[in-house]
Amino acid sequence: MGSRICATALQPEMVHAYWDAKKGGRDGATQFDLYHIFAILDHGSMNDHSRRRAKKLVYKIQWVGYDEKDHSWEPAAKIAGLVPKMKEEYDEMHGLLTLRDSTT
């Protein structure tokens, strides 16, 4: 089996310039409305307005084919549903495994 190399990882500026040059950007050119997570960059907490004074674990996400200005903060439950293995690896690396059960 050959190794799979992602152009976004090797040449992100080139990939973003390619999509920016297309009419309507990536979404307009592909007509896709699906987004794929490339990497979990960071984590933090935000107020959970559904519960008084509760904090909710969120992750800063890098999306495939999108540049830094499009990174977004997403709730832990959403990330667990989209990329459970990636989230688990990130949580383990950052000591978040004890928080996982109460935030997903």
C-alpha atoms as a PDB file:
ATOM      1  CA  MET A   1       0.000   0.000   0.000  1.00  0.00           C
ATOM      2  CA  GLY A   2       1.218   3.463  -0.831  1.00  0.00           C
ATOM      3  CA  SER A   3       1.087   6.318   1.619  1.00  0.00           C
ATOM      4  CA  ARG A   4      -1.690   8.849   1.233  1.00  0.00           C
ATOM      5  CA  ILE A   5      -0.528  12.458   1.248  1.00  0.00           C
ATOM      6  CA  CYS A   6      -2.926  15.348   1.669  1.00  0.00           C
ATOM      7  CA  ALA A   7      -2.158  18.440  -0.420  1.00  0.00           C
ATOM      8  CA  THR A   8      -3.772  20.637   2.226  1.00  0.00           C
ATOM      9  CA  ALA A   9      -1.148  19.487   4.728  1.00  0.00           C
ATOM     10  CA  LEU A  10       1.828  19.944   2.395  1.00  0.00           C
ATOM     11  CA  GLN A  11       0.863  23.087   0.486  1.00  0.00           C
ATOM     12  CA  PRO A  12      -2.087  24.764   2.238  1.00  0.00           C
ATOM     13  CA  GLU A  13      -1.525  28.150   0.580  1.00  0.00           C
ATOM     14  CA  MET A  14      -1.586  26.537  -2.869  1.00  0.00           C
ATOM     15  CA  VAL A  15      -4.813  24.656  -2.127  1.00  0.00           C
ATOM     16  CA  HIS A  16      -6.517  27.781  -0.746  1.00  0.00           C
ATOM     17  CA  ALA A  17      -5.378  29.880  -3.721  1.00  0.00           C
ATOM     18  CA  TYR A  18      -6.760  27.238  -6.095  1.00  0.00           C
ATOM     19  CA  TRP A  19     -10.213  27.276  -4.490  1.00  0.00           C
ATOM     20  CA  ASP A  20     -10.220  31.078  -4.105  1.00  0.00           C
ATOM     21  CA  ALA A  21      -9.652  31.405  -7.872  1.00  0.00           C
ATOM     22  CA  LYS A  22     -12.786  29.368  -8.654  1.00  0.00           C
ATOM     23  CA  LYS A  23     -16.079  31.171  -9.170  1.00  0.00           C
ATOM     24  CA  GLY A  24     -17.920  30.962  -5.859  1.00  0.00           C
ATOM     25  CA  GLY A  25     -14.876  29.453  -4.130  1.00  0.00           C
ATOM     26  CA  ARG A  26     -14.788  25.810  -3.084  1.00  0.00           C
ATOM     27  CA  ASP A  27     -18.528  25.607  -2.397  1.00  0.00           C
ATOM     28  CA  GLY A  28     -19.502  27.188  -5.706  1.00  0.00           C
ATOM     29  CA  ALA A  29     -17.133  25.043  -7.762  1.00  0.00           C
ATOM     30  CA  THR A  30     -17.987  21.709  -6.145  1.00  0.00           C
ATOM     31  CA  GLN A  31     -21.626  22.328  -5.210  1.00  0.00           C
ATOM     32  CA  PHE A  32     -20.811  20.405  -2.028  1.00  0.00           C
ATOM     33  CA  ASP A  33     -22.392  21.401   1.225  1.00  0.00           C
ATOM     34  CA  LEU A  34     -20.411  18.878   3.246  1.00  0.00           C
ATOM     35  CA  TYR A  35     -17.470  19.864   5.375  1.00  0.00           C
ATOM     36  CA  HIS A  36     -14.719  17.563   6.571  1.00  0.00           C
ATOM     37  CA  ILE A  37     -12.513  18.090   9.590  1.00  0.00           C
ATOM     38  CA  PHE A  38      -8.813  18.292   8.786  1.00  0.00           C
ATOM     39  CA  ALA A  39      -7.515  18.854  12.312  1.00  0.00           C
ATOM     40  CA  ILE A  40      -8.462  19.747  15.857  1.00  0.00           C
ATOM     41  CA  LEU A  41      -6.300  22.768  16.649  1.00  0.00           C
ATOM     42  CA  ASP A  42      -7.279  23.790  20.167  1.00  0.00           C
ATOM     43  CA  HIS A  43      -9.915  23.434  22.857  1.00  0.00           C
ATOM     44  CA  GLY A  44     -11.619  25.692  25.332  1.00  0.00           C
ATOM     45  CA  SER A  45     -14.889  26.270  27.103  1.00  0.00           C
ATOM     46  CA  MET A  46     -17.858  28.498  26.531  1.00  0.00           C
ATOM     47  CA  ASN A  47     -20.981  29.249  28.512  1.00  0.00           C
ATOM     48  CA  ASP A  48     -23.770  26.745  28.012  1.00  0.00           C
ATOM     49  CA  HIS A  49     -26.855  28.955  27.893  1.00  0.00           C
ATOM     50  CA  SER A  50     -29.152  25.969  28.359  1.00  0.00           C
ATOM     51  CA  ARG A  51     -27.716  25.393  31.846  1.00  0.00           C
ATOM     52  CA  ARG A  52     -27.090  28.083  34.388  1.00  0.00           C
ATOM     53  CA  ARG A  53     -23.357  28.736  34.933  1.00  0.00           C
ATOM     54  CA  ALA A  54     -22.337  25.553  33.125  1.00  0.00           C
ATOM     55  CA  LYS A  55     -19.320  25.485  30.838  1.00  0.00           C
ATOM     56  CA  LYS A  56     -19.290  23.516  27.616  1.00  0.00           C
ATOM     57  CA  LEU A  57     -16.154  21.996  26.041  1.00  0.00           C
ATOM     58  CA  VAL A  58     -15.517  23.240  22.493  1.00  0.00           C
ATOM     59  CA  TYR A  59     -12.832  22.515  19.908  1.00  0.00           C
ATOM     60  CA  LYS A  60     -11.202  24.813  17.356  1.00  0.00           C
ATOM     61  CA  ILE A  61     -11.510  23.046  13.995  1.00  0.00           C
ATOM     62  CA  GLN A  62      -9.558  23.330  10.750  1.00  0.00           C
ATOM     63  CA  TRP A  63     -11.726  22.299   7.796  1.00  0.00           C
ATOM     64  CA  VAL A  64     -10.420  20.524   4.681  1.00  0.00           C
ATOM     65  CA  GLY A  65      -9.970  23.015   1.837  1.00  0.00           C
ATOM     66  CA  TYR A  66     -10.472  26.109   3.993  1.00  0.00           C
ATOM     67  CA  ASP A  67      -7.903  28.510   5.370  1.00  0.00           C
ATOM     68  CA  GLU A  68      -7.332  29.982   8.809  1.00  0.00           C
ATOM     69  CA  LYS A  69     -10.084  32.580   8.605  1.00  0.00           C
ATOM     70  CA  ASP A  70     -12.607  29.740   8.329  1.00  0.00           C
ATOM     71  CA  HIS A  71     -11.525  27.862  11.469  1.00  0.00           C
ATOM     72  CA  SER A  72     -14.456  27.501  13.847  1.00  0.00           C
ATOM     73  CA  TRP A  73     -15.264  26.524  17.412  1.00  0.00           C
ATOM     74  CA  GLU A  74     -17.516  23.472  17.597  1.00  0.00           C
ATOM     75  CA  PRO A  75     -19.125  21.656  20.547  1.00  0.00           C
ATOM     76  CA  ALA A  76     -17.550  18.437  21.817  1.00  0.00           C
ATOM     77  CA  ALA A  77     -20.653  16.369  21.031  1.00  0.00           C
ATOM     78  CA  LYS A  78     -20.562  17.425  17.375  1.00  0.00           C
ATOM     79  CA  ILE A  79     -16.864  16.547  17.029  1.00  0.00           C
ATOM     80  CA  ALA A  80     -17.416  13.192  18.765  1.00  0.00           C
ATOM     81  CA  GLY A  81     -20.072  12.384  16.171  1.00  0.00           C
ATOM     82  CA  LEU A  82     -18.018  13.478  13.153  1.00  0.00           C
ATOM     83  CA  VAL A  83     -14.510  12.254  14.005  1.00  0.00           C
ATOM     84  CA  PRO A  84     -14.590  10.142  17.168  1.00  0.00           C
ATOM     85  CA  LYS A  85     -11.101   8.670  16.763  1.00  0.00           C
ATOM     86  CA  MET A  86      -9.487  12.055  16.053  1.00  0.00           C
ATOM     87  CA  LYS A  87     -11.264  13.556  19.079  1.00  0.00           C
ATOM     88  CA  GLU A  88     -10.207  10.680  21.323  1.00  0.00           C
ATOM     89  CA  GLU A  89      -6.563  11.021  20.212  1.00  0.00           C
ATOM     90  CA  TYR A  90      -6.661  14.791  20.771  1.00  0.00           C
ATOM     91  CA  ASP A  91      -8.305  14.353  24.186  1.00  0.00           C
ATOM     92  CA  GLU A  92      -5.698  11.795  25.212  1.00  0.00           C
ATOM     93  CA  MET A  93      -2.826  14.017  24.070  1.00  0.00           C
ATOM     94  CA  HIS A  94      -4.227  17.015  25.996  1.00  0.00           C
ATOM     95  CA  GLY A  95      -5.377  15.250  29.157  1.00  0.00           C
ATOM     96  CA  LEU A  96      -9.086  15.670  28.433  1.00  0.00           C
ATOM     97  CA  LEU A  97     -10.170  12.044  28.749  1.00  0.00           C
ATOM     98  CA  THR A  98     -11.598  12.613  32.229  1.00  0.00           C
ATOM     99  CA  LEU A  99     -13.771  15.433  30.851  1.00  0.00           C
ATOM    100  CA  ARG A 100     -14.998  13.447  27.865  1.00  0.00           C
ATOM    101  CA  ASP A 101     -17.877  11.600  29.520  1.00  0.00           C
ATOM    102  CA  SER A 102     -19.395  14.752  30.977  1.00  0.00           C
ATOM    103  CA  THR A 103     -19.107  16.863  27.812  1.00  0.00           C
ATOM    104  CA  THR A 104     -20.058  14.620  24.907  1.00  0.00           C
END
